[in-house]
Amino acid sequence: MKKILQILLNPFATISDKKQTTIGIISFVLGIMISYFMQMKIEVIGINSVSNYKVITIIINQSINFFTLTLVLYGLGKFINKKTRIIDIINSVLIALIPIYIGLFQNTNNFVVNEGRKVFSAIENKAIHQYQPSILFLFTAIIVILLVVYYIYLLFIGFKTATNAKKIGQYALFFILLIVTNILTSTLTNLI
């Protein structure tokens, strides 16, 4: 149990580089398949439901997210510590995405899409004050929010481990660049 907790809190300190890379690549491929079957789009920060999401579009979107985030974090890592290795940043991004892939299952049987339609319908009919989301929808939303927070936590811990960052200013730059990268990649992937 203690070993599992250590892995969950900091997989980058407990799992070897090669295993991280292997797990990361396998999860990336599985993430593409899950994204297709659940019709969910992964962004740098968050998940959105989409319709008619084609495999090639998913591959392009996830590749844009992965490469952009990796390059931005690697650039920041080199700025912080010249000894930052690209493989450590790659592993940080790949491993951190695992909770996001788990979050994709929220749209099983188009659950999120159907609940979203109810919300938008209530908004359009000016009856949002009467809308009562199902307990399952609220529970799912809370779980997905926790998974996104855990993803950001893993990304931060991986980055911190890879760069040996220790200053508040470096942490602030990480979070600012994460938000900027999200805006940039969202804009790029929406053009596809």
Protein backbone atom coordinates (compact mmCIF):
# COMPACT_ATOMS: atom_id res chain seq x y z
CA MET A 1 0.00 0.00 0.00
CA LYS A 2 2.84 2.38 0.87
CA LYS A 3 4.52 1.69 -2.50
CA ILE A 4 1.28 2.45 -4.38
CA LEU A 5 0.87 5.71 -2.47
CA GLN A 6 4.48 6.68 -3.32
CA ILE A 7 3.82 5.95 -7.00
CA LEU A 8 0.61 7.99 -6.96
CA LEU A 9 2.25 10.94 -5.22
CA ASN A 10 5.45 10.97 -7.29
CA PRO A 11 5.81 8.34 -10.01
CA PHE A 12 8.86 10.19 -11.35
CA ALA A 13 10.89 9.40 -8.23
CA THR A 14 9.78 5.77 -7.92
CA ILE A 15 9.58 4.44 -11.49
CA SER A 16 12.63 4.16 -13.79
CA ASP A 17 12.92 6.38 -16.86
CA LYS A 18 12.49 3.44 -19.25
CA LYS A 19 9.34 2.22 -17.50
CA GLN A 20 7.95 5.77 -17.47
CA THR A 21 8.53 6.07 -21.20
CA THR A 22 6.99 2.66 -21.91
CA ILE A 23 3.94 3.34 -19.72
CA GLY A 24 3.62 6.81 -21.23
CA ILE A 25 3.72 5.65 -24.86
CA ILE A 26 1.25 2.83 -24.21
CA SER A 27 -1.11 5.19 -22.39
CA PHE A 28 -0.80 7.78 -25.20
CA VAL A 29 -1.90 5.18 -27.77
CA LEU A 30 -4.69 3.95 -25.49
CA GLY A 31 -5.69 7.59 -24.91
CA ILE A 32 -6.19 8.06 -28.65
CA MET A 33 -8.42 4.99 -28.80
CA ILE A 34 -10.42 5.97 -25.70
CA SER A 35 -10.80 9.51 -27.05
CA TYR A 36 -12.22 8.09 -30.28
CA PHE A 37 -14.67 5.69 -28.65
CA MET A 38 -15.85 8.25 -26.08
CA GLN A 39 -15.86 11.13 -28.61
CA MET A 40 -13.94 13.36 -26.18
CA LYS A 41 -11.29 15.91 -27.07
CA ILE A 42 -8.27 16.33 -24.80
CA GLU A 43 -6.85 19.80 -24.33
CA VAL A 44 -3.78 20.84 -22.37
CA ILE A 45 -6.08 21.70 -19.47
CA GLY A 46 -9.37 19.86 -19.70
CA ILE A 47 -11.62 17.63 -21.75
CA ASN A 48 -14.49 18.49 -24.11
CA SER A 49 -17.11 16.37 -25.81
CA VAL A 50 -17.19 16.49 -29.60
CA SER A 51 -19.12 14.76 -32.35
CA ASN A 52 -17.80 12.88 -35.37
CA TYR A 53 -14.29 12.89 -33.93
CA LYS A 54 -12.11 11.09 -36.47
CA VAL A 55 -9.04 9.07 -35.49
CA ILE A 56 -6.69 11.16 -37.65
CA THR A 57 -8.01 14.37 -36.05
CA ILE A 58 -7.50 12.86 -32.59
CA ILE A 59 -3.92 11.88 -33.44
CA ILE A 60 -3.18 15.37 -34.77
CA ASN A 61 -4.83 17.11 -31.78
CA GLN A 62 -3.12 14.98 -29.16
CA SER A 63 0.21 15.29 -30.97
CA ILE A 64 -0.12 19.08 -31.06
CA ASN A 65 -0.94 19.13 -27.34
CA PHE A 66 1.88 16.75 -26.46
CA PHE A 67 4.63 18.35 -28.57
CA THR A 68 3.69 21.93 -27.73
CA LEU A 69 3.49 21.25 -24.00
CA THR A 70 6.74 19.27 -24.10
CA LEU A 71 8.61 22.00 -26.00
CA VAL A 72 7.30 24.79 -23.75
CA LEU A 73 8.16 22.92 -20.56
CA TYR A 74 11.54 21.86 -21.93
CA GLY A 75 12.32 25.48 -22.83
CA LEU A 76 11.34 26.61 -19.35
CA GLY A 77 13.29 23.71 -17.87
CA LYS A 78 16.45 24.72 -19.74
CA PHE A 79 15.93 28.30 -18.56
CA ILE A 80 15.72 27.09 -14.95
CA ASN A 81 18.40 24.40 -15.12
CA LYS A 82 20.71 23.83 -18.09
CA LYS A 83 20.96 20.14 -17.15
CA THR A 84 17.23 19.50 -17.78
CA ARG A 85 16.83 16.42 -19.97
CA ILE A 86 14.18 16.21 -22.71
CA ILE A 87 13.33 12.60 -21.76
CA ASP A 88 12.35 13.73 -18.25
CA ILE A 89 9.98 16.35 -19.66
CA ILE A 90 8.55 13.86 -22.18
CA ASN A 91 7.94 11.35 -19.39
CA SER A 92 6.37 14.04 -17.21
CA VAL A 93 3.88 14.96 -19.92
CA LEU A 94 3.11 11.36 -20.90
CA ILE A 95 2.61 10.10 -17.34
CA ALA A 96 0.63 13.18 -16.28
CA LEU A 97 -1.90 12.57 -19.08
CA ILE A 98 -3.02 9.21 -17.62
CA PRO A 99 -5.67 10.76 -15.30
CA ILE A 100 -7.05 12.69 -18.29
CA TYR A 101 -7.44 9.45 -20.22
CA ILE A 102 -9.36 8.00 -17.28
CA GLY A 103 -11.57 11.10 -17.30
CA LEU A 104 -12.59 10.37 -20.89
CA PHE A 105 -14.81 7.55 -19.65
CA GLN A 106 -17.25 10.16 -18.35
CA ASN A 107 -18.89 10.11 -21.78
CA THR A 108 -19.78 6.41 -21.71
CA ASN A 109 -23.03 5.99 -23.68
CA ASN A 110 -22.85 9.72 -24.56
CA PHE A 111 -23.65 10.58 -20.94
CA VAL A 112 -21.90 13.97 -20.92
CA VAL A 113 -23.24 14.92 -24.34
CA ASN A 114 -26.83 14.15 -23.28
CA GLU A 115 -26.48 15.99 -19.96
CA GLY A 116 -24.87 18.93 -21.75
CA ARG A 117 -27.82 19.16 -24.12
CA LYS A 118 -30.16 19.37 -21.14
CA VAL A 119 -28.13 22.23 -19.67
CA PHE A 120 -27.99 24.15 -22.96
CA SER A 121 -31.68 23.57 -23.53
CA ALA A 122 -32.44 25.00 -20.09
CA ILE A 123 -30.25 28.01 -20.86
CA GLU A 124 -31.90 28.60 -24.25
CA ASN A 125 -35.38 28.33 -22.70
CA LYS A 126 -34.36 30.70 -19.90
CA ALA A 127 -35.16 27.98 -17.40
CA ILE A 128 -31.70 27.36 -15.99
CA HIS A 129 -32.95 28.14 -12.50
CA GLN A 130 -35.32 25.16 -12.81
CA TYR A 131 -32.69 22.77 -14.16
CA GLN A 132 -31.63 20.13 -11.67
CA PRO A 133 -28.63 18.06 -12.75
CA SER A 134 -28.70 14.39 -11.94
CA ILE A 135 -26.66 13.13 -8.99
CA LEU A 136 -24.64 11.01 -11.41
CA PHE A 137 -23.81 14.09 -13.52
CA LEU A 138 -22.67 16.02 -10.44
CA PHE A 139 -20.64 13.05 -9.21
CA THR A 140 -19.04 12.62 -12.65
CA ALA A 141 -18.20 16.33 -12.85
CA ILE A 142 -16.52 16.24 -9.44
CA ILE A 143 -14.50 13.14 -10.39
CA VAL A 144 -13.37 14.73 -13.66
CA ILE A 145 -12.37 17.96 -11.89
CA LEU A 146 -10.32 15.91 -9.42
CA LEU A 147 -8.68 14.00 -12.30
CA VAL A 148 -7.76 17.28 -14.04
CA VAL A 149 -6.31 18.62 -10.78
CA TYR A 150 -4.34 15.38 -10.35
CA TYR A 151 -3.08 15.71 -13.96
CA ILE A 152 -1.82 19.23 -13.25
CA TYR A 153 -0.27 18.01 -9.99
CA LEU A 154 1.58 15.19 -11.79
CA LEU A 155 2.71 17.56 -14.53
CA PHE A 156 4.02 19.99 -11.91
CA ILE A 157 5.77 17.27 -9.85
CA GLY A 158 7.32 15.79 -12.99
CA PHE A 159 8.50 19.21 -14.14
CA LYS A 160 9.83 20.06 -10.69
CA THR A 161 11.71 16.74 -10.53
CA ALA A 162 13.10 17.14 -14.08
CA THR A 163 14.30 20.71 -13.57
CA ASN A 164 15.09 20.74 -9.86
CA ALA A 165 12.97 23.91 -9.64
CA LYS A 166 12.76 25.33 -6.12
CA LYS A 167 11.70 28.96 -6.38
CA ILE A 168 8.19 30.41 -6.26
CA GLY A 169 8.90 32.46 -9.40
CA GLN A 170 9.79 29.28 -11.31
CA TYR A 171 6.56 27.67 -10.15
CA ALA A 172 4.60 30.75 -11.22
CA LEU A 173 6.22 30.62 -14.68
CA PHE A 174 5.22 26.96 -14.96
CA PHE A 175 1.55 27.73 -14.30
CA ILE A 176 1.51 30.84 -16.52
CA LEU A 177 3.06 28.89 -19.40
CA LEU A 178 0.61 26.04 -18.83
CA ILE A 179 -2.32 28.43 -19.29
CA VAL A 180 -0.70 30.11 -22.32
CA THR A 181 0.02 26.70 -23.85
CA ASN A 182 -3.61 25.68 -23.31
CA ILE A 183 -4.83 28.80 -25.14
CA LEU A 184 -2.32 28.28 -27.96
CA THR A 185 -3.06 24.59 -28.49
CA SER A 186 -6.83 25.10 -28.19
CA THR A 187 -6.63 27.70 -30.94
CA LEU A 188 -4.50 25.43 -33.14
CA THR A 189 -6.63 22.32 -32.65
CA ASN A 190 -9.90 24.20 -33.23
CA LEU A 191 -8.60 25.13 -36.69
CA ILE A 192 -8.42 21.45 -37.62
